[in-house]
Amino acid sequence: MIASVVLGADPPYVLVEGIQSSRALSTFIRAVMRWYAFGQYDYVIVDLNSFGDWSPQVSDELAAVTGAAADAGHWLAFFS
């Protein structure tokens, strides 16, 4: 998993790439749910193009973490 800060954007955001397994995605979700993973960056985009472990449970987890981030005043987007 690689997290890159895109400072030239307005607003600056973190781009996360390279999540390939359910374990890595679960680790990422736990970090985001506590929102310590990205410090000052309230905008996070997650590229799941490499992820291949799709299931209804994964979709539910992504929806839950996106909602929790929004409730905390953060913006989190996943794309595949």
C-alpha atoms as a PDB file:
ATOM      1  CA  MET A   1       0.000   0.000   0.000  1.00  0.00           C
ATOM      2  CA  ILE A   2       1.350   3.385  -1.011  1.00  0.00           C
ATOM      3  CA  ALA A   3      -0.044   6.690   0.241  1.00  0.00           C
ATOM      4  CA  SER A   4       0.935   9.789  -1.720  1.00  0.00           C
ATOM      5  CA  VAL A   5       0.155  13.338  -0.653  1.00  0.00           C
ATOM      6  CA  VAL A   6      -0.951  15.558  -3.547  1.00  0.00           C
ATOM      7  CA  LEU A   7      -0.085  19.012  -2.255  1.00  0.00           C
ATOM      8  CA  GLY A   8      -0.708  20.871  -5.536  1.00  0.00           C
ATOM      9  CA  ALA A   9      -4.399  20.034  -5.477  1.00  0.00           C
ATOM     10  CA  ASP A  10      -7.008  22.295  -3.952  1.00  0.00           C
ATOM     11  CA  PRO A  11      -7.618  21.003  -1.363  1.00  0.00           C
ATOM     12  CA  PRO A  12      -4.563  18.813  -0.803  1.00  0.00           C
ATOM     13  CA  TYR A  13      -5.422  15.123  -0.562  1.00  0.00           C
ATOM     14  CA  VAL A  14      -3.920  11.702   0.013  1.00  0.00           C
ATOM     15  CA  LEU A  15      -4.048   9.100  -2.778  1.00  0.00           C
ATOM     16  CA  VAL A  16      -3.804   5.494  -1.563  1.00  0.00           C
ATOM     17  CA  GLU A  17      -2.849   2.807  -4.084  1.00  0.00           C
ATOM     18  CA  GLY A  18      -1.774  -0.818  -4.094  1.00  0.00           C
ATOM     19  CA  ILE A  19      -4.327  -2.439  -1.791  1.00  0.00           C
ATOM     20  CA  GLN A  20      -4.534  -5.986  -3.127  1.00  0.00           C
ATOM     21  CA  SER A  21      -5.913  -8.137  -0.315  1.00  0.00           C
ATOM     22  CA  SER A  22      -8.780  -8.149   2.154  1.00  0.00           C
ATOM     23  CA  ARG A  23      -6.250  -8.039   4.987  1.00  0.00           C
ATOM     24  CA  ALA A  24      -4.635  -4.867   3.647  1.00  0.00           C
ATOM     25  CA  LEU A  25      -8.039  -3.288   3.076  1.00  0.00           C
ATOM     26  CA  SER A  26      -9.141  -4.183   6.623  1.00  0.00           C
ATOM     27  CA  THR A  27      -5.971  -2.621   8.036  1.00  0.00           C
ATOM     28  CA  PHE A  28      -6.614   0.519   6.008  1.00  0.00           C
ATOM     29  CA  ILE A  29     -10.256   0.673   7.136  1.00  0.00           C
ATOM     30  CA  ARG A  30      -9.269   0.354  10.819  1.00  0.00           C
ATOM     31  CA  ALA A  31      -6.802   3.217  10.398  1.00  0.00           C
ATOM     32  CA  VAL A  32      -9.368   5.439   8.703  1.00  0.00           C
ATOM     33  CA  MET A  33     -12.077   4.649  11.250  1.00  0.00           C
ATOM     34  CA  ARG A  34      -9.775   6.117  13.887  1.00  0.00           C
ATOM     35  CA  TRP A  35      -8.718   8.810  11.387  1.00  0.00           C
ATOM     36  CA  TYR A  36      -5.135   8.951  12.538  1.00  0.00           C
ATOM     37  CA  ALA A  37      -3.710   7.528   9.315  1.00  0.00           C
ATOM     38  CA  PHE A  38      -3.515  10.769   7.378  1.00  0.00           C
ATOM     39  CA  GLY A  39      -3.061  13.476   9.957  1.00  0.00           C
ATOM     40  CA  GLN A  40      -4.027  16.852   8.574  1.00  0.00           C
ATOM     41  CA  TYR A  41      -5.471  15.589   5.287  1.00  0.00           C
ATOM     42  CA  ASP A  42      -9.257  15.542   5.350  1.00  0.00           C
ATOM     43  CA  TYR A  43      -9.516  14.309   1.758  1.00  0.00           C
ATOM     44  CA  VAL A  44      -8.517  10.748   0.879  1.00  0.00           C
ATOM     45  CA  ILE A  45      -8.937   8.908  -2.437  1.00  0.00           C
ATOM     46  CA  VAL A  46      -8.399   5.145  -2.505  1.00  0.00           C
ATOM     47  CA  ASP A  47      -7.582   3.403  -5.787  1.00  0.00           C
ATOM     48  CA  LEU A  48      -8.781  -0.206  -5.581  1.00  0.00           C
ATOM     49  CA  ASN A  49      -7.811  -1.187  -9.143  1.00  0.00           C
ATOM     50  CA  SER A  50      -5.431  -3.838  -7.756  1.00  0.00           C
ATOM     51  CA  PHE A  51      -7.990  -5.219  -5.316  1.00  0.00           C
ATOM     52  CA  GLY A  52      -9.585  -8.508  -6.306  1.00  0.00           C
ATOM     53  CA  ASP A  53     -11.350  -9.736  -3.187  1.00  0.00           C
ATOM     54  CA  TRP A  54     -14.806  -8.226  -3.758  1.00  0.00           C
ATOM     55  CA  SER A  55     -17.676  -9.537  -1.694  1.00  0.00           C
ATOM     56  CA  PRO A  56     -20.896  -8.084  -0.249  1.00  0.00           C
ATOM     57  CA  GLN A  57     -19.114  -7.790   3.118  1.00  0.00           C
ATOM     58  CA  VAL A  58     -16.332  -5.694   1.571  1.00  0.00           C
ATOM     59  CA  SER A  59     -18.893  -3.411  -0.072  1.00  0.00           C
ATOM     60  CA  ASP A  60     -20.690  -2.982   3.267  1.00  0.00           C
ATOM     61  CA  GLU A  61     -17.401  -2.170   5.038  1.00  0.00           C
ATOM     62  CA  LEU A  62     -16.522   0.455   2.412  1.00  0.00           C
ATOM     63  CA  ALA A  63     -19.933   2.073   2.784  1.00  0.00           C
ATOM     64  CA  ALA A  64     -19.591   2.112   6.578  1.00  0.00           C
ATOM     65  CA  VAL A  65     -16.126   3.663   6.600  1.00  0.00           C
ATOM     66  CA  THR A  66     -17.142   6.273   4.015  1.00  0.00           C
ATOM     67  CA  GLY A  67     -20.149   7.232   6.137  1.00  0.00           C
ATOM     68  CA  ALA A  68     -18.082   7.361   9.332  1.00  0.00           C
ATOM     69  CA  ALA A  69     -15.498   9.582   7.634  1.00  0.00           C
ATOM     70  CA  ALA A  70     -18.227  11.943   6.409  1.00  0.00           C
ATOM     71  CA  ASP A  71     -19.771  12.066   9.879  1.00  0.00           C
ATOM     72  CA  ALA A  72     -16.360  13.082  11.250  1.00  0.00           C
ATOM     73  CA  GLY A  73     -16.021  15.877   8.673  1.00  0.00           C
ATOM     74  CA  HIS A  74     -13.670  14.045   6.310  1.00  0.00           C
ATOM     75  CA  TRP A  75     -14.022  13.117   2.644  1.00  0.00           C
ATOM     76  CA  LEU A  76     -13.183   9.569   1.610  1.00  0.00           C
ATOM     77  CA  ALA A  77     -13.702   8.088  -1.866  1.00  0.00           C
ATOM     78  CA  PHE A  78     -13.012   4.625  -3.235  1.00  0.00           C
ATOM     79  CA  PHE A  79     -12.756   3.769  -6.918  1.00  0.00           C
ATOM     80  CA  SER A  80     -11.998   0.562  -8.734  1.00  0.00           C
END
